[in-house]
Amino acid sequence: MTAFLIVAASFLLMEPLTALVHRFVMHGFAMGWHRSHHEPRHGAVETNDLFPIVFSTATIAMLSVGVYVGGGDVLVPLGIGITLYGASYLFVHDVVIHRRLTWLPLPSGLLAWHRDAHNVHHLYSRAPYGFLAPVVPSELRDRAERAEVARTDRSGRA
């Protein structure tokens, strides 16, 4: 039961931790890597893809320490929770929102609120910084809605 609680807690705590990393690392000193994600894609891979490599390497190292050195009763379930979060992020962000697996059929309305929140982030390079539970500040939501209404009025179509 303790292992399950550690898995669940680590999964849940990854969202605020990820939002902080996204805000202060990716949109801070590591913007050099992250910038590629805010620009038009030129191929299947972007520099921003280095982040999951770094994060997964750290998680694999933690799991390895837990299995081979000690502390596995905490480190392994912690690593499992982090890995589950990473897999969820991969599905929501890369597969559903950015459609990086174009051959995979998905319902168009699947996780539409995530896509809308992420579009606000890409429009203004500001909040929301979270991935699975994005919180869009009302000022940015209103601003994006006004921009959408203006775009629709200019084009004559929704």
N, C-alpha and C. Protein backbone atom coordinates (compact mmCIF):
# COMPACT_ATOMS: atom_id res chain seq x y z
N MET A 1 0.82 -1.19 0.00
CA MET A 1 0.00 0.00 0.00
C MET A 1 0.87 1.26 0.00
N THR A 2 1.97 1.25 0.74
CA THR A 2 2.86 2.40 0.77
C THR A 2 3.42 2.70 -0.62
N ALA A 3 3.81 1.66 -1.35
CA ALA A 3 4.34 1.85 -2.69
C ALA A 3 3.31 2.51 -3.60
N PHE A 4 2.06 2.06 -3.50
CA PHE A 4 1.00 2.66 -4.31
C PHE A 4 0.83 4.14 -3.98
N LEU A 5 0.87 4.49 -2.71
CA LEU A 5 0.73 5.89 -2.30
C LEU A 5 1.89 6.74 -2.82
N ILE A 6 3.09 6.17 -2.82
CA ILE A 6 4.25 6.90 -3.35
C ILE A 6 4.10 7.11 -4.85
N VAL A 7 3.65 6.07 -5.56
CA VAL A 7 3.41 6.20 -7.01
C VAL A 7 2.38 7.31 -7.26
N ALA A 8 1.25 7.24 -6.56
CA ALA A 8 0.19 8.23 -6.76
C ALA A 8 0.65 9.64 -6.40
N ALA A 9 1.33 9.79 -5.26
CA ALA A 9 1.80 11.11 -4.84
C ALA A 9 2.82 11.67 -5.82
N SER A 10 3.74 10.83 -6.28
CA SER A 10 4.76 11.35 -7.22
C SER A 10 4.11 11.73 -8.54
N PHE A 11 3.13 10.96 -9.00
CA PHE A 11 2.42 11.31 -10.23
C PHE A 11 1.74 12.67 -10.07
N LEU A 12 1.02 12.85 -8.97
CA LEU A 12 0.29 14.10 -8.75
C LEU A 12 1.22 15.29 -8.54
N LEU A 13 2.33 15.09 -7.85
CA LEU A 13 3.26 16.19 -7.60
C LEU A 13 4.07 16.59 -8.82
N MET A 14 4.08 15.73 -9.82
CA MET A 14 4.82 16.06 -11.05
C MET A 14 4.20 17.24 -11.79
N GLU A 15 2.89 17.42 -11.70
CA GLU A 15 2.25 18.52 -12.42
C GLU A 15 2.74 19.89 -11.93
N PRO A 16 2.67 20.19 -10.63
CA PRO A 16 3.21 21.50 -10.21
C PRO A 16 4.72 21.60 -10.41
N LEU A 17 5.45 20.51 -10.23
CA LEU A 17 6.89 20.54 -10.45
C LEU A 17 7.20 20.81 -11.93
N THR A 18 6.46 20.15 -12.81
CA THR A 18 6.65 20.35 -14.25
C THR A 18 6.30 21.78 -14.65
N ALA A 19 5.22 22.32 -14.07
CA ALA A 19 4.85 23.71 -14.38
C ALA A 19 5.97 24.67 -13.96
N LEU A 20 6.58 24.42 -12.81
CA LEU A 20 7.69 25.27 -12.35
C LEU A 20 8.90 25.14 -13.27
N VAL A 21 9.23 23.91 -13.66
CA VAL A 21 10.36 23.69 -14.57
C VAL A 21 10.08 24.36 -15.92
N HIS A 22 8.86 24.20 -16.41
CA HIS A 22 8.49 24.80 -17.70
C HIS A 22 8.63 26.32 -17.62
N ARG A 23 8.14 26.91 -16.52
CA ARG A 23 8.18 28.37 -16.38
C ARG A 23 9.59 28.91 -16.19
N PHE A 24 10.35 28.32 -15.25
CA PHE A 24 11.61 28.93 -14.85
C PHE A 24 12.84 28.34 -15.52
N VAL A 25 12.74 27.15 -16.07
CA VAL A 25 13.87 26.55 -16.78
C VAL A 25 13.66 26.69 -18.28
N MET A 26 12.57 26.11 -18.78
CA MET A 26 12.34 26.13 -20.23
C MET A 26 12.11 27.54 -20.76
N HIS A 27 11.40 28.36 -19.99
CA HIS A 27 11.19 29.76 -20.40
C HIS A 27 12.18 30.68 -19.70
N GLY A 28 13.25 30.10 -19.18
CA GLY A 28 14.31 30.85 -18.54
C GLY A 28 15.63 30.55 -19.22
N PHE A 29 16.59 30.03 -18.44
CA PHE A 29 17.93 29.82 -18.98
C PHE A 29 18.01 28.75 -20.07
N ALA A 30 17.01 27.87 -20.18
CA ALA A 30 17.05 26.82 -21.21
C ALA A 30 16.14 27.14 -22.40
N MET A 31 15.80 28.40 -22.57
CA MET A 31 14.95 28.79 -23.70
C MET A 31 15.60 28.47 -25.04
N GLY A 32 16.92 28.36 -25.06
CA GLY A 32 17.62 27.99 -26.30
C GLY A 32 17.14 26.66 -26.85
N TRP A 33 16.90 25.69 -25.97
CA TRP A 33 16.35 24.40 -26.41
C TRP A 33 14.85 24.51 -26.65
N HIS A 34 14.15 25.20 -25.76
CA HIS A 34 12.68 25.22 -25.79
C HIS A 34 12.13 26.07 -26.93
N ARG A 35 12.89 27.06 -27.37
CA ARG A 35 12.43 27.95 -28.43
C ARG A 35 11.93 27.18 -29.66
N SER A 36 12.60 26.06 -29.97
CA SER A 36 12.22 25.28 -31.14
C SER A 36 10.78 24.79 -31.05
N HIS A 37 10.26 24.66 -29.84
CA HIS A 37 8.88 24.20 -29.66
C HIS A 37 7.88 25.31 -29.95
N HIS A 38 8.31 26.55 -29.87
CA HIS A 38 7.42 27.69 -30.12
C HIS A 38 7.56 28.21 -31.54
N GLU A 39 8.34 27.54 -32.35
CA GLU A 39 8.53 27.94 -33.76
C GLU A 39 7.96 26.85 -34.66
N PRO A 40 7.72 27.17 -35.93
CA PRO A 40 7.23 26.13 -36.84
C PRO A 40 8.20 24.95 -36.91
N ARG A 41 7.65 23.76 -36.97
CA ARG A 41 8.45 22.54 -36.98
C ARG A 41 9.13 22.36 -38.35
N HIS A 42 10.39 21.92 -38.29
CA HIS A 42 11.16 21.62 -39.50
C HIS A 42 11.64 20.18 -39.39
N GLY A 43 10.75 19.23 -39.57
CA GLY A 43 11.12 17.83 -39.46
C GLY A 43 10.46 17.17 -38.28
N ALA A 44 10.80 15.91 -38.06
CA ALA A 44 10.15 15.11 -37.02
C ALA A 44 10.68 15.40 -35.63
N VAL A 45 11.87 15.96 -35.52
CA VAL A 45 12.51 16.16 -34.22
C VAL A 45 12.85 17.64 -34.07
N GLU A 46 12.76 18.12 -32.83
CA GLU A 46 13.13 19.51 -32.54
C GLU A 46 14.08 19.53 -31.34
N THR A 47 14.80 20.59 -31.18
CA THR A 47 15.76 20.70 -30.08
C THR A 47 15.08 20.50 -28.73
N ASN A 48 13.86 20.96 -28.61
CA ASN A 48 13.09 20.80 -27.37
C ASN A 48 12.97 19.34 -26.95
N ASP A 49 13.10 18.40 -27.88
CA ASP A 49 13.01 16.98 -27.57
C ASP A 49 14.17 16.50 -26.69
N LEU A 50 15.16 17.34 -26.49
CA LEU A 50 16.25 16.99 -25.57
C LEU A 50 15.76 16.95 -24.12
N PHE A 51 14.74 17.73 -23.79
CA PHE A 51 14.24 17.74 -22.42
C PHE A 51 13.76 16.37 -21.96
N PRO A 52 12.89 15.69 -22.72
CA PRO A 52 12.47 14.36 -22.25
C PRO A 52 13.64 13.37 -22.15
N ILE A 53 14.65 13.54 -22.98
CA ILE A 53 15.82 12.66 -22.89
C ILE A 53 16.54 12.90 -21.55
N VAL A 54 16.73 14.16 -21.19
CA VAL A 54 17.39 14.49 -19.92
C VAL A 54 16.54 14.01 -18.75
N PHE A 55 15.24 14.30 -18.77
CA PHE A 55 14.37 13.93 -17.66
C PHE A 55 14.26 12.42 -17.51
N SER A 56 14.13 11.70 -18.62
CA SER A 56 14.01 10.24 -18.53
C SER A 56 15.33 9.61 -18.08
N THR A 57 16.46 10.18 -18.49
CA THR A 57 17.76 9.68 -18.04
C THR A 57 17.89 9.82 -16.53
N ALA A 58 17.45 10.96 -15.99
CA ALA A 58 17.49 11.16 -14.53
C ALA A 58 16.58 10.16 -13.83
N THR A 59 15.42 9.90 -14.40
CA THR A 59 14.49 8.94 -13.79
C THR A 59 15.05 7.53 -13.84
N ILE A 60 15.65 7.16 -14.95
CA ILE A 60 16.27 5.83 -15.07
C ILE A 60 17.41 5.69 -14.07
N ALA A 61 18.19 6.75 -13.88
CA ALA A 61 19.27 6.72 -12.89
C ALA A 61 18.71 6.52 -11.49
N MET A 62 17.63 7.22 -11.17
CA MET A 62 17.01 7.06 -9.86
C MET A 62 16.48 5.64 -9.66
N LEU A 63 15.82 5.10 -10.68
CA LEU A 63 15.33 3.72 -10.60
C LEU A 63 16.49 2.75 -10.43
N SER A 64 17.58 2.98 -11.14
CA SER A 64 18.75 2.09 -11.05
C SER A 64 19.36 2.12 -9.66
N VAL A 65 19.46 3.31 -9.08
CA VAL A 65 19.97 3.41 -7.71
C VAL A 65 19.05 2.64 -6.77
N GLY A 66 17.75 2.80 -6.95
CA GLY A 66 16.80 2.10 -6.10
C GLY A 66 16.89 0.59 -6.21
N VAL A 67 17.15 0.09 -7.41
CA VAL A 67 17.23 -1.36 -7.62
C VAL A 67 18.58 -1.92 -7.20
N TYR A 68 19.66 -1.23 -7.57
CA TYR A 68 20.99 -1.81 -7.40
C TYR A 68 21.78 -1.33 -6.18
N VAL A 69 21.42 -0.17 -5.64
CA VAL A 69 22.19 0.39 -4.53
C VAL A 69 21.41 0.30 -3.23
N GLY A 70 20.16 0.67 -3.27
CA GLY A 70 19.34 0.65 -2.07
C GLY A 70 18.29 1.73 -2.12
N GLY A 71 17.35 1.64 -1.22
CA GLY A 71 16.28 2.63 -1.18
C GLY A 71 15.17 2.36 -2.18
N GLY A 72 15.17 1.14 -2.71
CA GLY A 72 14.20 0.78 -3.74
C GLY A 72 12.77 0.85 -3.29
N ASP A 73 12.52 0.69 -1.98
CA ASP A 73 11.15 0.76 -1.49
C ASP A 73 10.55 2.15 -1.67
N VAL A 74 11.38 3.17 -1.82
CA VAL A 74 10.91 4.53 -2.08
C VAL A 74 11.25 4.95 -3.52
N LEU A 75 12.50 4.74 -3.93
CA LEU A 75 12.94 5.23 -5.24
C LEU A 75 12.23 4.56 -6.41
N VAL A 76 11.96 3.26 -6.31
CA VAL A 76 11.30 2.58 -7.43
C VAL A 76 9.86 3.06 -7.60
N PRO A 77 9.03 3.10 -6.55
CA PRO A 77 7.68 3.64 -6.76
C PRO A 77 7.69 5.12 -7.17
N LEU A 78 8.65 5.88 -6.67
CA LEU A 78 8.79 7.27 -7.08
C LEU A 78 9.07 7.34 -8.58
N GLY A 79 10.00 6.51 -9.04
CA GLY A 79 10.32 6.46 -10.47
C GLY A 79 9.16 5.99 -11.31
N ILE A 80 8.36 5.07 -10.78
CA ILE A 80 7.18 4.59 -11.52
C ILE A 80 6.17 5.73 -11.67
N GLY A 81 5.92 6.48 -10.60
CA GLY A 81 5.00 7.61 -10.68
C GLY A 81 5.46 8.67 -11.66
N ILE A 82 6.76 8.96 -11.63
CA ILE A 82 7.32 9.94 -12.57
C ILE A 82 7.21 9.43 -14.00
N THR A 83 7.47 8.15 -14.21
CA THR A 83 7.36 7.56 -15.54
C THR A 83 5.92 7.58 -16.04
N LEU A 84 4.97 7.30 -15.17
CA LEU A 84 3.55 7.36 -15.56
C LEU A 84 3.16 8.78 -15.95
N TYR A 85 3.67 9.76 -15.21
CA TYR A 85 3.41 11.15 -15.56
C TYR A 85 4.02 11.47 -16.93
N GLY A 86 5.26 11.03 -17.14
CA GLY A 86 5.92 11.28 -18.42
C GLY A 86 5.17 10.66 -19.58
N ALA A 87 4.67 9.45 -19.40
CA ALA A 87 3.89 8.79 -20.46
C ALA A 87 2.58 9.53 -20.71
N SER A 88 1.94 10.00 -19.64
CA SER A 88 0.70 10.78 -19.79
C SER A 88 0.98 12.08 -20.52
N TYR A 89 2.06 12.74 -20.13
CA TYR A 89 2.47 13.98 -20.80
C TYR A 89 2.71 13.73 -22.29
N LEU A 90 3.45 12.67 -22.59
CA LEU A 90 3.75 12.33 -23.98
C LEU A 90 2.47 12.16 -24.78
N PHE A 91 1.51 11.42 -24.22
CA PHE A 91 0.25 11.20 -24.93
C PHE A 91 -0.51 12.51 -25.12
N VAL A 92 -0.72 13.26 -24.03
CA VAL A 92 -1.53 14.48 -24.11
C VAL A 92 -0.84 15.54 -24.96
N HIS A 93 0.41 15.83 -24.68
CA HIS A 93 1.09 16.94 -25.35
C HIS A 93 1.52 16.61 -26.78
N ASP A 94 2.23 15.52 -26.94
CA ASP A 94 2.80 15.23 -28.26
C ASP A 94 1.83 14.52 -29.20
N VAL A 95 1.04 13.59 -28.67
CA VAL A 95 0.14 12.83 -29.53
C VAL A 95 -1.17 13.57 -29.78
N VAL A 96 -1.82 14.05 -28.71
CA VAL A 96 -3.13 14.68 -28.88
C VAL A 96 -3.00 16.14 -29.31
N ILE A 97 -2.25 16.95 -28.57
CA ILE A 97 -2.20 18.38 -28.86
C ILE A 97 -1.42 18.68 -30.13
N HIS A 98 -0.20 18.17 -30.23
CA HIS A 98 0.64 18.52 -31.39
C HIS A 98 0.57 17.50 -32.53
N ARG A 99 -0.18 16.42 -32.33
CA ARG A 99 -0.42 15.43 -33.40
C ARG A 99 0.87 14.96 -34.06
N ARG A 100 1.86 14.59 -33.24
CA ARG A 100 3.14 14.14 -33.79
C ARG A 100 3.06 12.74 -34.38
N LEU A 101 2.01 12.01 -34.08
CA LEU A 101 1.77 10.71 -34.72
C LEU A 101 0.55 10.88 -35.62
N THR A 102 0.76 11.49 -36.75
CA THR A 102 -0.35 11.84 -37.63
C THR A 102 -1.13 10.63 -38.13
N TRP A 103 -0.50 9.48 -38.14
CA TRP A 103 -1.15 8.27 -38.62
C TRP A 103 -2.13 7.69 -37.60
N LEU A 104 -2.08 8.14 -36.36
CA LEU A 104 -2.94 7.61 -35.31
C LEU A 104 -4.25 8.37 -35.30
N PRO A 105 -5.38 7.69 -35.60
CA PRO A 105 -6.66 8.40 -35.62
C PRO A 105 -7.13 8.72 -34.20
N LEU A 106 -7.49 9.96 -33.98
CA LEU A 106 -7.99 10.41 -32.67
C LEU A 106 -9.26 11.21 -32.89
N PRO A 107 -10.23 11.10 -31.99
CA PRO A 107 -11.43 11.94 -32.11
C PRO A 107 -11.03 13.42 -32.04
N SER A 108 -11.63 14.25 -32.88
CA SER A 108 -11.22 15.66 -32.96
C SER A 108 -11.46 16.41 -31.65
N GLY A 109 -12.44 16.02 -30.87
CA GLY A 109 -12.73 16.72 -29.63
C GLY A 109 -11.96 16.20 -28.43
N LEU A 110 -11.11 15.17 -28.64
CA LEU A 110 -10.38 14.57 -27.53
C LEU A 110 -9.49 15.59 -26.85
N LEU A 111 -9.73 15.83 -25.57
CA LEU A 111 -8.93 16.75 -24.76
C LEU A 111 -8.85 18.15 -25.36
N ALA A 112 -9.96 18.61 -25.93
CA ALA A 112 -9.98 19.93 -26.59
C ALA A 112 -9.59 21.04 -25.62
N TRP A 113 -9.98 20.92 -24.35
CA TRP A 113 -9.63 21.99 -23.40
C TRP A 113 -8.13 22.05 -23.16
N HIS A 114 -7.44 20.90 -23.24
CA HIS A 114 -5.97 20.90 -23.15
C HIS A 114 -5.38 21.63 -24.36
N ARG A 115 -5.91 21.31 -25.53
CA ARG A 115 -5.41 21.93 -26.76
C ARG A 115 -5.63 23.44 -26.70
N ASP A 116 -6.81 23.87 -26.25
CA ASP A 116 -7.10 25.31 -26.16
C ASP A 116 -6.14 26.00 -25.18
N ALA A 117 -5.91 25.37 -24.03
CA ALA A 117 -5.00 25.95 -23.03
C ALA A 117 -3.58 26.04 -23.59
N HIS A 118 -3.15 24.99 -24.27
CA HIS A 118 -1.81 24.98 -24.83
C HIS A 118 -1.68 26.02 -25.95
N ASN A 119 -2.74 26.21 -26.71
CA ASN A 119 -2.71 27.23 -27.75
C ASN A 119 -2.54 28.63 -27.14
N VAL A 120 -3.16 28.88 -25.99
CA VAL A 120 -2.98 30.16 -25.30
C VAL A 120 -1.51 30.32 -24.91
N HIS A 121 -0.91 29.25 -24.40
CA HIS A 121 0.50 29.30 -24.04
C HIS A 121 1.36 29.64 -25.26
N HIS A 122 1.08 29.00 -26.39
CA HIS A 122 1.86 29.26 -27.59
C HIS A 122 1.60 30.66 -28.16
N LEU A 123 0.39 31.18 -27.99
CA LEU A 123 0.08 32.52 -28.48
C LEU A 123 0.90 33.59 -27.75
N TYR A 124 1.02 33.45 -26.43
CA TYR A 124 1.59 34.51 -25.63
C TYR A 124 2.89 34.13 -24.92
N SER A 125 3.35 32.88 -25.04
CA SER A 125 4.55 32.38 -24.35
C SER A 125 4.50 32.71 -22.86
N ARG A 126 3.32 32.61 -22.32
CA ARG A 126 3.10 32.82 -20.89
C ARG A 126 2.27 31.65 -20.40
N ALA A 127 1.66 31.80 -19.24
CA ALA A 127 0.84 30.73 -18.67
C ALA A 127 -0.20 30.28 -19.71
N PRO A 128 -0.66 29.06 -19.60
CA PRO A 128 -0.39 28.08 -18.57
C PRO A 128 0.92 27.33 -18.83
N TYR A 129 1.61 27.02 -17.75
CA TYR A 129 2.84 26.25 -17.86
C TYR A 129 2.63 24.79 -17.51
N GLY A 130 1.51 24.45 -16.90
CA GLY A 130 1.19 23.07 -16.59
C GLY A 130 0.79 22.31 -17.84
N PHE A 131 0.83 20.99 -17.76
CA PHE A 131 0.54 20.17 -18.94
C PHE A 131 -0.74 19.37 -18.81
N LEU A 132 -0.90 18.64 -17.73
CA LEU A 132 -2.07 17.77 -17.60
C LEU A 132 -3.24 18.48 -16.93
N ALA A 133 -2.95 19.51 -16.16
CA ALA A 133 -4.00 20.29 -15.50
C ALA A 133 -3.69 21.77 -15.70
N PRO A 134 -3.69 22.23 -16.95
CA PRO A 134 -3.29 23.62 -17.21
C PRO A 134 -4.32 24.61 -16.68
N VAL A 135 -3.82 25.65 -16.03
CA VAL A 135 -4.67 26.71 -15.51
C VAL A 135 -4.39 27.96 -16.32
N VAL A 136 -5.37 28.38 -17.12
CA VAL A 136 -5.21 29.55 -17.97
C VAL A 136 -5.69 30.77 -17.19
N PRO A 137 -4.82 31.75 -16.98
CA PRO A 137 -5.25 32.98 -16.30
C PRO A 137 -6.40 33.63 -17.08
N SER A 138 -7.39 34.14 -16.37
CA SER A 138 -8.59 34.69 -17.03
C SER A 138 -8.23 35.81 -18.00
N GLU A 139 -7.22 36.62 -17.67
CA GLU A 139 -6.81 37.71 -18.57
C GLU A 139 -6.35 37.16 -19.92
N LEU A 140 -5.57 36.10 -19.90
CA LEU A 140 -5.09 35.51 -21.16
C LEU A 140 -6.21 34.77 -21.89
N ARG A 141 -7.09 34.09 -21.15
CA ARG A 141 -8.22 33.40 -21.78
C ARG A 141 -9.10 34.41 -22.51
N ASP A 142 -9.42 35.55 -21.84
CA ASP A 142 -10.25 36.59 -22.45
C ASP A 142 -9.55 37.19 -23.66
N ARG A 143 -8.27 37.43 -23.54
CA ARG A 143 -7.49 37.99 -24.66
C ARG A 143 -7.49 37.05 -25.86
N ALA A 144 -7.33 35.75 -25.62
CA ALA A 144 -7.34 34.76 -26.70
C ALA A 144 -8.72 34.67 -27.34
N GLU A 145 -9.76 34.73 -26.51
CA GLU A 145 -11.13 34.68 -27.06
C GLU A 145 -11.42 35.90 -27.91
N ARG A 146 -10.97 37.07 -27.48
CA ARG A 146 -11.17 38.29 -28.28
C ARG A 146 -10.41 38.18 -29.61
N ALA A 147 -9.20 37.63 -29.57
CA ALA A 147 -8.41 37.46 -30.79
C ALA A 147 -9.11 36.48 -31.73
N GLU A 148 -9.70 35.42 -31.19
CA GLU A 148 -10.41 34.43 -32.01
C GLU A 148 -11.65 35.04 -32.64
N VAL A 149 -12.39 35.84 -31.88
CA VAL A 149 -13.59 36.50 -32.41
C VAL A 149 -13.18 37.46 -33.53
N ALA A 150 -12.11 38.21 -33.31
CA ALA A 150 -11.64 39.15 -34.34
C ALA A 150 -11.19 38.39 -35.59
N ARG A 151 -10.50 37.27 -35.41
CA ARG A 151 -10.05 36.47 -36.56
C ARG A 151 -11.25 35.92 -37.32
N THR A 152 -12.25 35.44 -36.59
CA THR A 152 -13.45 34.88 -37.21
C THR A 152 -14.21 35.99 -37.96
N ASP A 153 -14.31 37.19 -37.35
CA ASP A 153 -15.01 38.30 -38.01
C ASP A 153 -14.31 38.70 -39.31
N ARG A 154 -12.99 38.70 -39.30
CA ARG A 154 -12.23 39.09 -40.50
C ARG A 154 -12.37 38.06 -41.62
N SER A 155 -12.37 36.78 -41.25
CA SER A 155 -12.38 35.74 -42.28
C SER A 155 -13.80 35.39 -42.71
N GLY A 156 -14.79 35.73 -41.88
CA GLY A 156 -16.16 35.42 -42.23
C GLY A 156 -16.55 33.97 -41.95
N ARG A 157 -15.64 33.21 -41.34
CA ARG A 157 -15.96 31.81 -41.00
C ARG A 157 -15.38 31.49 -39.63
N ALA A 158 -15.96 30.49 -39.02
CA ALA A 158 -15.52 30.10 -37.68
C ALA A 158 -14.27 29.28 -37.72
